[in-house]
Amino acid sequence: MSLTMTIVMLIAGWLAVAAAMLWGVLRISRRHHHPVQPAAVEKTEKHSPRHATAH
């Protein structure tokens, strides 16, 4: 096998591995992604504003 063919095969193999890893990561992230519903904010009693130095 010539040097050129060896280099091309190394690059092709690296690209195949990189594509497979990217596909796997995207597949896992899509499967485990749960859209979060915004939590309902309950209104509490209004407190009178206090100064930071108030005791």
C-alpha atoms as a PDB file:
ATOM      1  CA  MET A   1       0.000   0.000   0.000  1.00  0.00           C
ATOM      2  CA  SER A   2       1.423   3.385  -0.913  1.00  0.00           C
ATOM      3  CA  LEU A   3       2.012   6.176   1.574  1.00  0.00           C
ATOM      4  CA  THR A   4      -0.696   8.312  -0.015  1.00  0.00           C
ATOM      5  CA  MET A   5      -3.269   5.542   0.310  1.00  0.00           C
ATOM      6  CA  THR A   6      -2.298   4.985   3.955  1.00  0.00           C
ATOM      7  CA  ILE A   7      -2.771   8.686   4.771  1.00  0.00           C
ATOM      8  CA  VAL A   8      -6.119   8.798   2.961  1.00  0.00           C
ATOM      9  CA  MET A   9      -7.295   5.692   4.824  1.00  0.00           C
ATOM     10  CA  LEU A  10      -6.230   7.192   8.169  1.00  0.00           C
ATOM     11  CA  ILE A  11      -8.130  10.409   7.466  1.00  0.00           C
ATOM     12  CA  ALA A  12     -11.202   8.500   6.243  1.00  0.00           C
ATOM     13  CA  GLY A  13     -11.155   6.311   9.341  1.00  0.00           C
ATOM     14  CA  TRP A  14     -10.806   9.335  11.608  1.00  0.00           C
ATOM     15  CA  LEU A  15     -13.744  11.036   9.893  1.00  0.00           C
ATOM     16  CA  ALA A  16     -15.853   7.883  10.212  1.00  0.00           C
ATOM     17  CA  VAL A  17     -15.131   7.643  13.949  1.00  0.00           C
ATOM     18  CA  ALA A  18     -15.798  11.368  14.462  1.00  0.00           C
ATOM     19  CA  ALA A  19     -19.114  11.144  12.586  1.00  0.00           C
ATOM     20  CA  ALA A  20     -20.174   8.078  14.591  1.00  0.00           C
ATOM     21  CA  MET A  21     -19.338   9.791  17.885  1.00  0.00           C
ATOM     22  CA  LEU A  22     -21.214  12.941  16.883  1.00  0.00           C
ATOM     23  CA  TRP A  23     -24.229  10.895  15.806  1.00  0.00           C
ATOM     24  CA  GLY A  24     -24.214   9.052  19.140  1.00  0.00           C
ATOM     25  CA  VAL A  25     -23.955  12.233  21.191  1.00  0.00           C
ATOM     26  CA  LEU A  26     -26.762  13.892  19.247  1.00  0.00           C
ATOM     27  CA  ARG A  27     -28.918  10.781  19.588  1.00  0.00           C
ATOM     28  CA  ILE A  28     -28.408  10.614  23.348  1.00  0.00           C
ATOM     29  CA  SER A  29     -28.951  14.346  23.849  1.00  0.00           C
ATOM     30  CA  ARG A  30     -32.169  14.252  21.846  1.00  0.00           C
ATOM     31  CA  ARG A  31     -33.484  11.211  23.700  1.00  0.00           C
ATOM     32  CA  HIS A  32     -32.706  12.563  27.175  1.00  0.00           C
ATOM     33  CA  HIS A  33     -33.833  16.127  26.574  1.00  0.00           C
ATOM     34  CA  HIS A  34     -36.981  16.878  28.537  1.00  0.00           C
ATOM     35  CA  PRO A  35     -38.589  20.219  27.779  1.00  0.00           C
ATOM     36  CA  VAL A  36     -39.076  22.063  31.037  1.00  0.00           C
ATOM     37  CA  GLN A  37     -42.440  23.637  31.665  1.00  0.00           C
ATOM     38  CA  PRO A  38     -42.117  26.999  33.397  1.00  0.00           C
ATOM     39  CA  ALA A  39     -43.200  26.584  36.997  1.00  0.00           C
ATOM     40  CA  ALA A  40     -46.264  28.551  38.011  1.00  0.00           C
ATOM     41  CA  VAL A  41     -45.200  31.374  40.273  1.00  0.00           C
ATOM     42  CA  GLU A  42     -47.487  31.726  43.248  1.00  0.00           C
ATOM     43  CA  LYS A  43     -48.045  35.237  44.447  1.00  0.00           C
ATOM     44  CA  THR A  44     -47.171  35.658  48.078  1.00  0.00           C
ATOM     45  CA  GLU A  45     -48.039  38.411  50.476  1.00  0.00           C
ATOM     46  CA  LYS A  46     -46.388  41.673  49.693  1.00  0.00           C
ATOM     47  CA  HIS A  47     -43.880  42.614  52.323  1.00  0.00           C
ATOM     48  CA  SER A  48     -43.085  46.188  53.079  1.00  0.00           C
ATOM     49  CA  PRO A  49     -39.711  47.124  51.671  1.00  0.00           C
ATOM     50  CA  ARG A  50     -36.996  47.278  54.295  1.00  0.00           C
ATOM     51  CA  HIS A  51     -33.666  48.907  54.199  1.00  0.00           C
ATOM     52  CA  ALA A  52     -30.622  46.688  54.292  1.00  0.00           C
ATOM     53  CA  THR A  53     -29.610  48.180  57.624  1.00  0.00           C
ATOM     54  CA  ALA A  54     -33.002  47.619  59.296  1.00  0.00           C
ATOM     55  CA  HIS A  55     -32.983  45.199  62.230  1.00  0.00           C
END
